[in-house]
Amino acid sequence: MTEPEHADGLEARLRERFGDREGVSLTVSDDGHCRLAFPDRTLVVERRQGPAGTAAWTVVVRAGGETVSKFGPLETTTAVLERIAALVDADVRYTVCCDGSPS
């Protein structure tokens, strides 16, 4: 079985990795989106169907009520966890989409 087939375990892996951090809450919506709320930012993991019907995820960073960054598509749950780990303590900055507009 490939890693994308284990996507249902993403919530458990997020709880295991980030659930004990002070001030962090994790919620999962009915459509499978995971939302990690930190004191200064929110990370939203959205599962979508990638090329050839495979699973793919995007990670959206929100701060101050605005979307400030988007990452993806990520093809494995491990890649999602690694991206989130890199974003948790990084400075929150706006990114620019390929067309030059803020994401």
C-alpha atoms as a PDB file:
ATOM      1  CA  MET A   1       0.000   0.000   0.000  1.00  0.00           C
ATOM      2  CA  THR A   2       1.393   3.425  -0.904  1.00  0.00           C
ATOM      3  CA  GLU A   3       1.575   6.342   1.488  1.00  0.00           C
ATOM      4  CA  PRO A   4      -1.261   8.333  -0.118  1.00  0.00           C
ATOM      5  CA  GLU A   5      -3.536   5.391   0.656  1.00  0.00           C
ATOM      6  CA  HIS A   6      -2.870   6.073   4.324  1.00  0.00           C
ATOM      7  CA  ALA A   7      -4.300   9.591   4.118  1.00  0.00           C
ATOM      8  CA  ASP A   8      -6.919   8.782   6.731  1.00  0.00           C
ATOM      9  CA  GLY A   9      -4.079   8.586   9.254  1.00  0.00           C
ATOM     10  CA  LEU A  10      -3.079  12.215   8.690  1.00  0.00           C
ATOM     11  CA  GLU A  11      -5.230  13.471  11.555  1.00  0.00           C
ATOM     12  CA  ALA A  12      -3.617  11.003  13.977  1.00  0.00           C
ATOM     13  CA  ARG A  13      -0.140  11.942  12.792  1.00  0.00           C
ATOM     14  CA  LEU A  14      -0.902  15.659  13.198  1.00  0.00           C
ATOM     15  CA  ARG A  15      -2.218  15.053  16.732  1.00  0.00           C
ATOM     16  CA  GLU A  16       0.837  12.981  17.598  1.00  0.00           C
ATOM     17  CA  ARG A  17       3.272  15.590  16.304  1.00  0.00           C
ATOM     18  CA  PHE A  18       1.600  18.864  17.309  1.00  0.00           C
ATOM     19  CA  GLY A  19      -1.188  18.008  19.770  1.00  0.00           C
ATOM     20  CA  ASP A  20       0.887  18.571  22.910  1.00  0.00           C
ATOM     21  CA  ARG A  21       2.058  22.065  21.971  1.00  0.00           C
ATOM     22  CA  GLU A  22       0.784  24.880  24.142  1.00  0.00           C
ATOM     23  CA  GLY A  23      -2.105  26.803  22.602  1.00  0.00           C
ATOM     24  CA  VAL A  24      -2.572  24.486  19.602  1.00  0.00           C
ATOM     25  CA  SER A  25      -5.924  23.089  18.526  1.00  0.00           C
ATOM     26  CA  LEU A  26      -6.652  20.622  15.742  1.00  0.00           C
ATOM     27  CA  THR A  27     -10.015  20.247  14.056  1.00  0.00           C
ATOM     28  CA  VAL A  28     -11.046  18.123  11.107  1.00  0.00           C
ATOM     29  CA  SER A  29     -14.027  19.036   8.957  1.00  0.00           C
ATOM     30  CA  ASP A  30     -16.480  16.631   7.382  1.00  0.00           C
ATOM     31  CA  ASP A  31     -14.759  17.103   4.027  1.00  0.00           C
ATOM     32  CA  GLY A  32     -11.420  15.987   5.508  1.00  0.00           C
ATOM     33  CA  HIS A  33      -9.710  19.370   5.814  1.00  0.00           C
ATOM     34  CA  CYS A  34      -7.450  19.583   8.867  1.00  0.00           C
ATOM     35  CA  ARG A  35      -7.068  22.903  10.660  1.00  0.00           C
ATOM     36  CA  LEU A  36      -4.203  23.500  13.083  1.00  0.00           C
ATOM     37  CA  ALA A  37      -4.687  26.721  15.028  1.00  0.00           C
ATOM     38  CA  PHE A  38      -1.590  28.201  16.654  1.00  0.00           C
ATOM     39  CA  PRO A  39      -1.583  31.451  18.658  1.00  0.00           C
ATOM     40  CA  ASP A  40      -0.334  33.533  15.704  1.00  0.00           C
ATOM     41  CA  ARG A  41      -1.333  31.527  12.631  1.00  0.00           C
ATOM     42  CA  THR A  42      -3.638  28.847  11.303  1.00  0.00           C
ATOM     43  CA  LEU A  43      -2.536  26.065   8.978  1.00  0.00           C
ATOM     44  CA  VAL A  44      -5.190  24.395   6.840  1.00  0.00           C
ATOM     45  CA  VAL A  45      -4.458  21.106   5.096  1.00  0.00           C
ATOM     46  CA  GLU A  46      -6.765  20.390   2.171  1.00  0.00           C
ATOM     47  CA  ARG A  47      -6.869  17.065   0.389  1.00  0.00           C
ATOM     48  CA  ARG A  48      -7.551  17.144  -3.318  1.00  0.00           C
ATOM     49  CA  GLN A  49      -7.321  14.718  -6.164  1.00  0.00           C
ATOM     50  CA  GLY A  50      -4.049  15.070  -8.026  1.00  0.00           C
ATOM     51  CA  PRO A  51      -3.030  13.921 -11.477  1.00  0.00           C
ATOM     52  CA  ALA A  52      -3.977  10.360 -12.373  1.00  0.00           C
ATOM     53  CA  GLY A  53      -6.455  10.252  -9.494  1.00  0.00           C
ATOM     54  CA  THR A  54      -3.803  10.222  -6.773  1.00  0.00           C
ATOM     55  CA  ALA A  55      -4.180  12.114  -3.519  1.00  0.00           C
ATOM     56  CA  ALA A  56      -2.525  15.515  -3.211  1.00  0.00           C
ATOM     57  CA  TRP A  57      -2.572  18.032  -0.404  1.00  0.00           C
ATOM     58  CA  THR A  58      -2.141  21.766  -0.088  1.00  0.00           C
ATOM     59  CA  VAL A  59      -1.122  23.637   3.054  1.00  0.00           C
ATOM     60  CA  VAL A  60      -2.535  27.131   3.483  1.00  0.00           C
ATOM     61  CA  VAL A  61      -1.123  29.542   6.063  1.00  0.00           C
ATOM     62  CA  ARG A  62      -3.487  32.154   7.455  1.00  0.00           C
ATOM     63  CA  ALA A  63      -2.551  34.992   9.806  1.00  0.00           C
ATOM     64  CA  GLY A  64      -4.550  38.001  10.872  1.00  0.00           C
ATOM     65  CA  GLY A  65      -7.579  36.633   9.035  1.00  0.00           C
ATOM     66  CA  GLU A  66      -5.756  36.593   5.694  1.00  0.00           C
ATOM     67  CA  THR A  67      -4.248  33.827   3.574  1.00  0.00           C
ATOM     68  CA  VAL A  68      -0.544  34.602   3.506  1.00  0.00           C
ATOM     69  CA  SER A  69       0.986  31.492   1.899  1.00  0.00           C
ATOM     70  CA  LYS A  70       0.031  28.346   0.010  1.00  0.00           C
ATOM     71  CA  PHE A  71       2.145  25.244  -0.519  1.00  0.00           C
ATOM     72  CA  GLY A  72       1.487  22.220  -2.687  1.00  0.00           C
ATOM     73  CA  PRO A  73       0.565  20.031  -4.208  1.00  0.00           C
ATOM     74  CA  LEU A  74       2.194  17.673  -1.733  1.00  0.00           C
ATOM     75  CA  GLU A  75       1.955  14.019  -2.668  1.00  0.00           C
ATOM     76  CA  THR A  76       2.488  12.263   0.687  1.00  0.00           C
ATOM     77  CA  THR A  77       1.376  12.709   4.270  1.00  0.00           C
ATOM     78  CA  THR A  78       5.053  12.763   5.271  1.00  0.00           C
ATOM     79  CA  ALA A  79       5.589  15.758   2.966  1.00  0.00           C
ATOM     80  CA  VAL A  80       2.595  17.474   4.593  1.00  0.00           C
ATOM     81  CA  LEU A  81       4.019  16.909   8.081  1.00  0.00           C
ATOM     82  CA  GLU A  82       7.465  18.127   7.048  1.00  0.00           C
ATOM     83  CA  ARG A  83       6.002  21.294   5.481  1.00  0.00           C
ATOM     84  CA  ILE A  84       3.925  22.014   8.583  1.00  0.00           C
ATOM     85  CA  ALA A  85       6.934  21.439  10.854  1.00  0.00           C
ATOM     86  CA  ALA A  86       8.876  23.995   8.805  1.00  0.00           C
ATOM     87  CA  LEU A  87       6.017  26.524   8.978  1.00  0.00           C
ATOM     88  CA  VAL A  88       5.121  26.249  12.662  1.00  0.00           C
ATOM     89  CA  ASP A  89       7.957  28.393  13.963  1.00  0.00           C
ATOM     90  CA  ALA A  90       8.915  30.291  10.792  1.00  0.00           C
ATOM     91  CA  ASP A  91       8.179  33.982  10.409  1.00  0.00           C
ATOM     92  CA  VAL A  92       4.780  34.582   8.841  1.00  0.00           C
ATOM     93  CA  ARG A  93       5.287  36.342   5.522  1.00  0.00           C
ATOM     94  CA  TYR A  94       3.178  36.936   2.466  1.00  0.00           C
ATOM     95  CA  THR A  95       4.131  34.959  -0.600  1.00  0.00           C
ATOM     96  CA  VAL A  96       3.469  35.951  -4.182  1.00  0.00           C
ATOM     97  CA  CYS A  97       1.720  33.734  -6.697  1.00  0.00           C
ATOM     98  CA  CYS A  98       3.244  33.036 -10.066  1.00  0.00           C
ATOM     99  CA  ASP A  99       1.067  35.727 -11.630  1.00  0.00           C
ATOM    100  CA  GLY A 100       2.484  38.350  -9.248  1.00  0.00           C
ATOM    101  CA  SER A 101      -0.558  38.653  -7.004  1.00  0.00           C
ATOM    102  CA  PRO A 102      -0.389  37.904  -3.261  1.00  0.00           C
ATOM    103  CA  SER A 103      -1.606  34.402  -2.493  1.00  0.00           C
END
